[in-house]
């Protein structure tokens, strides 16, 4: 079951960068944003997509799995923490292992940095900074029940396929409940068939419905 987490709703993102600015205010990485705001078809479309750490959990986050210094800890509630500065050696294994391209390496400090779900806030029941300031709700923090009460016609997916590897995440992607088609970019002759998939990095991925 999904607990209280971030739900990313790509169709609501307007690329305003409020989340990016808010993330810079986090005390653990003040001045640096851990959010990636991507423009998939820049110059041709206004489409934008915020990417936060997906807090992978199947069976363990890839970044933590490949860390030779055990610098990336995972809390009991499934939050994948940013690297412990007293242990991180800046090897960038985590950068290469993350299928979502989330971790960043501060080369000068030889330190990995990434979104840790604003754990200083969420561990006390407060929403992450990015979700707090998002004007359209593209980043929604809460439970699946709260999300669906506000947006009755949506479902979510926490399974993402990268080639032959499927990753389960603690952060969910919002997909339409009544029409779980392939995401734009996966066009099929004759239109979009009813498929239980979404896309990540151009590949169709299995959805798993509301958890």
C-alpha atoms as a PDB file:
ATOM      1  CA  UNK A   1       0.000   0.000   0.000  1.00  0.00           C
ATOM      2  CA  UNK A   2       1.207   3.502  -0.793  1.00  0.00           C
ATOM      3  CA  UNK A   3       1.413   5.706   2.252  1.00  0.00           C
ATOM      4  CA  UNK A   4       1.709   9.471   2.232  1.00  0.00           C
ATOM      5  CA  UNK A   5       3.994  10.304  -0.664  1.00  0.00           C
ATOM      6  CA  UNK A   6       4.478  12.532  -3.718  1.00  0.00           C
ATOM      7  CA  UNK A   7       2.282  11.961  -6.754  1.00  0.00           C
ATOM      8  CA  UNK A   8       3.626  13.442  -9.987  1.00  0.00           C
ATOM      9  CA  UNK A   9       0.881  14.603 -12.351  1.00  0.00           C
ATOM     10  CA  UNK A  10       2.689  15.510 -15.611  1.00  0.00           C
ATOM     11  CA  UNK A  11      -0.429  16.892 -17.299  1.00  0.00           C
ATOM     12  CA  UNK A  12      -0.639  19.668 -14.711  1.00  0.00           C
ATOM     13  CA  UNK A  13       2.960  20.899 -14.910  1.00  0.00           C
ATOM     14  CA  UNK A  14       3.293  24.366 -16.458  1.00  0.00           C
ATOM     15  CA  UNK A  15       7.071  24.660 -16.169  1.00  0.00           C
ATOM     16  CA  UNK A  16       6.908  27.628 -13.781  1.00  0.00           C
ATOM     17  CA  UNK A  17       9.938  26.375 -11.792  1.00  0.00           C
ATOM     18  CA  UNK A  18       8.352  27.207  -8.434  1.00  0.00           C
ATOM     19  CA  UNK A  19       9.354  23.717  -7.259  1.00  0.00           C
ATOM     20  CA  UNK A  20      12.942  24.294  -8.361  1.00  0.00           C
ATOM     21  CA  UNK A  21      13.135  27.580  -6.430  1.00  0.00           C
ATOM     22  CA  UNK A  22      11.545  26.070  -3.314  1.00  0.00           C
ATOM     23  CA  UNK A  23      13.926  23.109  -3.358  1.00  0.00           C
ATOM     24  CA  UNK A  24      16.880  25.498  -3.211  1.00  0.00           C
ATOM     25  CA  UNK A  25      15.675  26.622   0.220  1.00  0.00           C
ATOM     26  CA  UNK A  26      16.209  23.194   1.805  1.00  0.00           C
ATOM     27  CA  UNK A  27      18.755  23.466   4.628  1.00  0.00           C
ATOM     28  CA  UNK A  28      20.584  20.281   3.593  1.00  0.00           C
ATOM     29  CA  UNK A  29      21.461  21.680   0.145  1.00  0.00           C
ATOM     30  CA  UNK A  30      20.682  25.391   0.367  1.00  0.00           C
ATOM     31  CA  UNK A  31      21.201  27.170  -2.935  1.00  0.00           C
ATOM     32  CA  UNK A  32      21.037  23.958  -4.984  1.00  0.00           C
ATOM     33  CA  UNK A  33      17.856  22.402  -6.334  1.00  0.00           C
ATOM     34  CA  UNK A  34      17.502  18.634  -6.319  1.00  0.00           C
ATOM     35  CA  UNK A  35      14.546  18.753  -8.732  1.00  0.00           C
ATOM     36  CA  UNK A  36      15.043  18.134 -12.429  1.00  0.00           C
ATOM     37  CA  UNK A  37      12.554  20.136 -14.497  1.00  0.00           C
ATOM     38  CA  UNK A  38      12.716  18.735 -18.005  1.00  0.00           C
ATOM     39  CA  UNK A  39      11.277  20.079 -21.256  1.00  0.00           C
ATOM     40  CA  UNK A  40      10.909  16.928 -23.418  1.00  0.00           C
ATOM     41  CA  UNK A  41      10.291  18.774 -26.680  1.00  0.00           C
ATOM     42  CA  UNK A  42      11.888  22.145 -25.998  1.00  0.00           C
ATOM     43  CA  UNK A  43      11.443  24.634 -28.799  1.00  0.00           C
ATOM     44  CA  UNK A  44       8.422  22.833 -30.187  1.00  0.00           C
ATOM     45  CA  UNK A  45       6.193  22.342 -27.147  1.00  0.00           C
ATOM     46  CA  UNK A  46       5.568  23.956 -23.772  1.00  0.00           C
ATOM     47  CA  UNK A  47       5.362  20.508 -22.165  1.00  0.00           C
ATOM     48  CA  UNK A  48       7.413  20.143 -18.984  1.00  0.00           C
ATOM     49  CA  UNK A  49       7.980  17.418 -16.424  1.00  0.00           C
ATOM     50  CA  UNK A  50       9.292  17.639 -12.857  1.00  0.00           C
ATOM     51  CA  UNK A  51      11.450  14.727 -11.699  1.00  0.00           C
ATOM     52  CA  UNK A  52      12.058  14.086  -8.025  1.00  0.00           C
ATOM     53  CA  UNK A  53      13.669  11.063  -6.396  1.00  0.00           C
ATOM     54  CA  UNK A  54      11.293   8.143  -6.932  1.00  0.00           C
ATOM     55  CA  UNK A  55      12.441   6.376  -3.733  1.00  0.00           C
ATOM     56  CA  UNK A  56      12.782   2.987  -5.391  1.00  0.00           C
ATOM     57  CA  UNK A  57      11.936  -0.024  -3.285  1.00  0.00           C
ATOM     58  CA  UNK A  58      12.173  -3.179  -5.410  1.00  0.00           C
ATOM     59  CA  UNK A  59      14.030  -4.872  -3.843  1.00  0.00           C
ATOM     60  CA  UNK A  60      16.196  -1.942  -2.788  1.00  0.00           C
ATOM     61  CA  UNK A  61      16.959   1.404  -4.374  1.00  0.00           C
ATOM     62  CA  UNK A  62      19.574   0.925  -7.148  1.00  0.00           C
ATOM     63  CA  UNK A  63      21.597   3.893  -5.879  1.00  0.00           C
ATOM     64  CA  UNK A  64      21.897   2.377  -2.393  1.00  0.00           C
ATOM     65  CA  UNK A  65      22.576  -1.071  -3.805  1.00  0.00           C
ATOM     66  CA  UNK A  66      25.699   0.034  -5.686  1.00  0.00           C
ATOM     67  CA  UNK A  67      27.125   2.398  -3.064  1.00  0.00           C
ATOM     68  CA  UNK A  68      30.486   0.920  -1.959  1.00  0.00           C
ATOM     69  CA  UNK A  69      30.576   3.053   1.181  1.00  0.00           C
ATOM     70  CA  UNK A  70      27.024   2.366   2.418  1.00  0.00           C
ATOM     71  CA  UNK A  71      26.486   6.117   2.370  1.00  0.00           C
ATOM     72  CA  UNK A  72      22.880   5.977   1.123  1.00  0.00           C
ATOM     73  CA  UNK A  73      20.559   4.928   3.911  1.00  0.00           C
ATOM     74  CA  UNK A  74      16.871   4.019   3.611  1.00  0.00           C
ATOM     75  CA  UNK A  75      14.522   4.862   6.457  1.00  0.00           C
ATOM     76  CA  UNK A  76      11.984   2.428   7.898  1.00  0.00           C
ATOM     77  CA  UNK A  77       9.237   4.240   5.978  1.00  0.00           C
ATOM     78  CA  UNK A  78      11.024   3.755   2.648  1.00  0.00           C
ATOM     79  CA  UNK A  79      12.591   7.171   2.096  1.00  0.00           C
ATOM     80  CA  UNK A  80      15.933   6.899   0.300  1.00  0.00           C
ATOM     81  CA  UNK A  81      18.157   9.479   1.930  1.00  0.00           C
ATOM     82  CA  UNK A  82      20.790  11.570   0.215  1.00  0.00           C
ATOM     83  CA  UNK A  83      24.356  10.420   0.811  1.00  0.00           C
ATOM     84  CA  UNK A  84      25.805  10.725   4.294  1.00  0.00           C
ATOM     85  CA  UNK A  85      28.590  13.308   3.842  1.00  0.00           C
ATOM     86  CA  UNK A  86      30.773  11.470   6.360  1.00  0.00           C
ATOM     87  CA  UNK A  87      30.709   8.303   4.216  1.00  0.00           C
ATOM     88  CA  UNK A  88      30.214   9.419   0.594  1.00  0.00           C
ATOM     89  CA  UNK A  89      33.372   9.155  -1.531  1.00  0.00           C
ATOM     90  CA  UNK A  90      31.940  10.849  -4.627  1.00  0.00           C
ATOM     91  CA  UNK A  91      32.415   7.778  -6.827  1.00  0.00           C
ATOM     92  CA  UNK A  92      29.201   8.510  -8.812  1.00  0.00           C
ATOM     93  CA  UNK A  93      28.097   4.858  -8.811  1.00  0.00           C
ATOM     94  CA  UNK A  94      24.668   6.054  -7.688  1.00  0.00           C
ATOM     95  CA  UNK A  95      24.444   8.497 -10.588  1.00  0.00           C
ATOM     96  CA  UNK A  96      25.079   5.713 -13.081  1.00  0.00           C
ATOM     97  CA  UNK A  97      22.737   3.264 -11.330  1.00  0.00           C
ATOM     98  CA  UNK A  98      19.682   5.500 -10.988  1.00  0.00           C
ATOM     99  CA  UNK A  99      17.279   4.727 -13.857  1.00  0.00           C
ATOM    100  CA  UNK A 100      15.600   8.116 -13.424  1.00  0.00           C
ATOM    101  CA  UNK A 101      18.808  10.181 -13.520  1.00  0.00           C
ATOM    102  CA  UNK A 102      18.133  11.791 -10.153  1.00  0.00           C
ATOM    103  CA  UNK A 103      21.358  11.932  -8.050  1.00  0.00           C
ATOM    104  CA  UNK A 104      23.823  14.742  -8.626  1.00  0.00           C
ATOM    105  CA  UNK A 105      27.499  14.818  -7.732  1.00  0.00           C
ATOM    106  CA  UNK A 106      29.103  17.938  -6.296  1.00  0.00           C
ATOM    107  CA  UNK A 107      32.567  17.423  -7.801  1.00  0.00           C
ATOM    108  CA  UNK A 108      34.223  20.008  -5.575  1.00  0.00           C
ATOM    109  CA  UNK A 109      32.799  18.483  -2.383  1.00  0.00           C
ATOM    110  CA  UNK A 110      33.009  14.900  -3.751  1.00  0.00           C
ATOM    111  CA  UNK A 111      29.491  14.388  -2.475  1.00  0.00           C
ATOM    112  CA  UNK A 112      26.288  12.935  -3.903  1.00  0.00           C
ATOM    113  CA  UNK A 113      23.174  15.055  -3.438  1.00  0.00           C
ATOM    114  CA  UNK A 114      19.547  14.254  -4.235  1.00  0.00           C
ATOM    115  CA  UNK A 115      15.943  14.731  -3.143  1.00  0.00           C
ATOM    116  CA  UNK A 116      15.248  13.056   0.198  1.00  0.00           C
ATOM    117  CA  UNK A 117      11.505  13.851   0.202  1.00  0.00           C
ATOM    118  CA  UNK A 118      12.211  16.843   2.479  1.00  0.00           C
ATOM    119  CA  UNK A 119      12.553  14.348   5.295  1.00  0.00           C
ATOM    120  CA  UNK A 120      13.008  17.110   7.856  1.00  0.00           C
ATOM    121  CA  UNK A 121       9.425  18.097   6.986  1.00  0.00           C
ATOM    122  CA  UNK A 122       7.679  14.892   5.936  1.00  0.00           C
ATOM    123  CA  UNK A 123       8.830  12.985   9.023  1.00  0.00           C
ATOM    124  CA  UNK A 124       6.771  15.498  10.999  1.00  0.00           C
ATOM    125  CA  UNK A 125       3.729  15.324   8.734  1.00  0.00           C
ATOM    126  CA  UNK A 126       4.496  18.411   6.624  1.00  0.00           C
ATOM    127  CA  UNK A 127       4.476  18.388   2.824  1.00  0.00           C
ATOM    128  CA  UNK A 128       7.769  18.661   0.894  1.00  0.00           C
ATOM    129  CA  UNK A 129       8.655  22.175  -0.205  1.00  0.00           C
ATOM    130  CA  UNK A 130       8.095  21.401  -3.899  1.00  0.00           C
ATOM    131  CA  UNK A 131       4.534  20.157  -3.370  1.00  0.00           C
ATOM    132  CA  UNK A 132       3.771  23.049  -1.028  1.00  0.00           C
ATOM    133  CA  UNK A 133       4.481  25.693  -3.661  1.00  0.00           C
ATOM    134  CA  UNK A 134       3.277  23.942  -6.843  1.00  0.00           C
ATOM    135  CA  UNK A 135       0.436  26.172  -8.127  1.00  0.00           C
ATOM    136  CA  UNK A 136      -1.242  23.513 -10.265  1.00  0.00           C
ATOM    137  CA  UNK A 137      -0.863  20.393  -8.137  1.00  0.00           C
ATOM    138  CA  UNK A 138       1.541  18.735 -10.561  1.00  0.00           C
ATOM    139  CA  UNK A 139       3.375  17.672  -7.399  1.00  0.00           C
ATOM    140  CA  UNK A 140       0.775  16.420  -4.925  1.00  0.00           C
ATOM    141  CA  UNK A 141       1.678  15.192  -1.452  1.00  0.00           C
ATOM    142  CA  UNK A 142      -0.744  12.953   0.385  1.00  0.00           C
ATOM    143  CA  UNK A 143      -2.353   9.522   0.194  1.00  0.00           C
ATOM    144  CA  UNK A 144      -3.889   7.840  -2.835  1.00  0.00           C
ATOM    145  CA  UNK A 145      -7.299   8.296  -1.177  1.00  0.00           C
ATOM    146  CA  UNK A 146      -6.734  12.046  -0.813  1.00  0.00           C
ATOM    147  CA  UNK A 147      -5.547  12.296  -4.405  1.00  0.00           C
ATOM    148  CA  UNK A 148      -8.555  10.444  -5.805  1.00  0.00           C
ATOM    149  CA  UNK A 149     -10.971  12.399  -3.625  1.00  0.00           C
ATOM    150  CA  UNK A 150      -9.657  15.578  -5.250  1.00  0.00           C
ATOM    151  CA  UNK A 151      -9.200  14.068  -8.743  1.00  0.00           C
ATOM    152  CA  UNK A 152     -11.761  11.274  -9.187  1.00  0.00           C
ATOM    153  CA  UNK A 153     -10.712  10.280 -12.696  1.00  0.00           C
ATOM    154  CA  UNK A 154      -7.068   9.436 -12.060  1.00  0.00           C
ATOM    155  CA  UNK A 155      -5.117   6.311 -11.260  1.00  0.00           C
ATOM    156  CA  UNK A 156      -1.443   5.936 -10.378  1.00  0.00           C
ATOM    157  CA  UNK A 157       1.479   3.750 -11.337  1.00  0.00           C
ATOM    158  CA  UNK A 158       4.524   2.803  -9.269  1.00  0.00           C
ATOM    159  CA  UNK A 159       6.061   0.309 -11.691  1.00  0.00           C
ATOM    160  CA  UNK A 160       8.518   1.456 -14.348  1.00  0.00           C
ATOM    161  CA  UNK A 161      10.264  -0.776 -16.883  1.00  0.00           C
ATOM    162  CA  UNK A 162      13.735  -0.092 -18.228  1.00  0.00           C
ATOM    163  CA  UNK A 163      14.423  -2.753 -20.817  1.00  0.00           C
ATOM    164  CA  UNK A 164      14.065  -6.081 -19.021  1.00  0.00           C
ATOM    165  CA  UNK A 165      14.231  -4.499 -15.564  1.00  0.00           C
ATOM    166  CA  UNK A 166      11.114  -3.324 -13.726  1.00  0.00           C
ATOM    167  CA  UNK A 167      11.539  -0.911 -10.823  1.00  0.00           C
ATOM    168  CA  UNK A 168       8.949  -0.393  -8.098  1.00  0.00           C
ATOM    169  CA  UNK A 169       8.876   3.069  -6.546  1.00  0.00           C
ATOM    170  CA  UNK A 170       7.559   4.790  -3.442  1.00  0.00           C
ATOM    171  CA  UNK A 171       6.674   7.915  -5.433  1.00  0.00           C
ATOM    172  CA  UNK A 172       3.811   7.491  -7.911  1.00  0.00           C
ATOM    173  CA  UNK A 173       3.023   8.830 -11.382  1.00  0.00           C
ATOM    174  CA  UNK A 174      -0.553   9.931 -12.073  1.00  0.00           C
ATOM    175  CA  UNK A 175      -2.283   8.362 -15.093  1.00  0.00           C
ATOM    176  CA  UNK A 176      -5.916   8.689 -16.264  1.00  0.00           C
ATOM    177  CA  UNK A 177      -8.072   5.981 -14.671  1.00  0.00           C
ATOM    178  CA  UNK A 178     -10.542   5.709 -17.530  1.00  0.00           C
ATOM    179  CA  UNK A 179      -7.923   5.494 -20.286  1.00  0.00           C
ATOM    180  CA  UNK A 180      -4.590   4.000 -19.351  1.00  0.00           C
ATOM    181  CA  UNK A 181      -3.092   4.344 -22.818  1.00  0.00           C
ATOM    182  CA  UNK A 182       0.530   4.524 -23.829  1.00  0.00           C
ATOM    183  CA  UNK A 183       1.852   7.959 -23.029  1.00  0.00           C
ATOM    184  CA  UNK A 184       2.301  10.493 -25.854  1.00  0.00           C
ATOM    185  CA  UNK A 185       5.348   9.531 -27.853  1.00  0.00           C
ATOM    186  CA  UNK A 186       4.335   5.870 -28.044  1.00  0.00           C
ATOM    187  CA  UNK A 187       2.028   6.380 -30.996  1.00  0.00           C
ATOM    188  CA  UNK A 188       0.656   3.309 -32.693  1.00  0.00           C
ATOM    189  CA  UNK A 189      -0.882   3.146 -36.181  1.00  0.00           C
ATOM    190  CA  UNK A 190      -4.604   3.776 -35.857  1.00  0.00           C
ATOM    191  CA  UNK A 191      -4.340   5.530 -32.494  1.00  0.00           C
ATOM    192  CA  UNK A 192      -3.676   4.495 -28.927  1.00  0.00           C
ATOM    193  CA  UNK A 193      -5.010   1.100 -27.860  1.00  0.00           C
ATOM    194  CA  UNK A 194      -6.183   0.538 -24.288  1.00  0.00           C
ATOM    195  CA  UNK A 195      -2.935  -0.580 -22.638  1.00  0.00           C
ATOM    196  CA  UNK A 196      -2.056  -0.876 -18.991  1.00  0.00           C
ATOM    197  CA  UNK A 197       1.196   1.003 -19.522  1.00  0.00           C
ATOM    198  CA  UNK A 198       2.842   4.359 -19.209  1.00  0.00           C
ATOM    199  CA  UNK A 199       6.180   5.427 -20.657  1.00  0.00           C
ATOM    200  CA  UNK A 200       9.526   6.287 -19.149  1.00  0.00           C
ATOM    201  CA  UNK A 201      12.359   7.507 -21.353  1.00  0.00           C
ATOM    202  CA  UNK A 202      10.526   6.395 -24.496  1.00  0.00           C
ATOM    203  CA  UNK A 203       9.785   2.870 -23.296  1.00  0.00           C
ATOM    204  CA  UNK A 204       6.353   1.480 -22.480  1.00  0.00           C
ATOM    205  CA  UNK A 205       6.101   0.594 -18.802  1.00  0.00           C
ATOM    206  CA  UNK A 206       3.601  -1.538 -16.881  1.00  0.00           C
ATOM    207  CA  UNK A 207       1.138   0.257 -14.614  1.00  0.00           C
ATOM    208  CA  UNK A 208      -0.171  -1.225 -11.426  1.00  0.00           C
ATOM    209  CA  UNK A 209      -3.323   0.766 -10.714  1.00  0.00           C
ATOM    210  CA  UNK A 210      -4.290   2.452  -7.483  1.00  0.00           C
ATOM    211  CA  UNK A 211      -2.397   0.858  -4.611  1.00  0.00           C
END
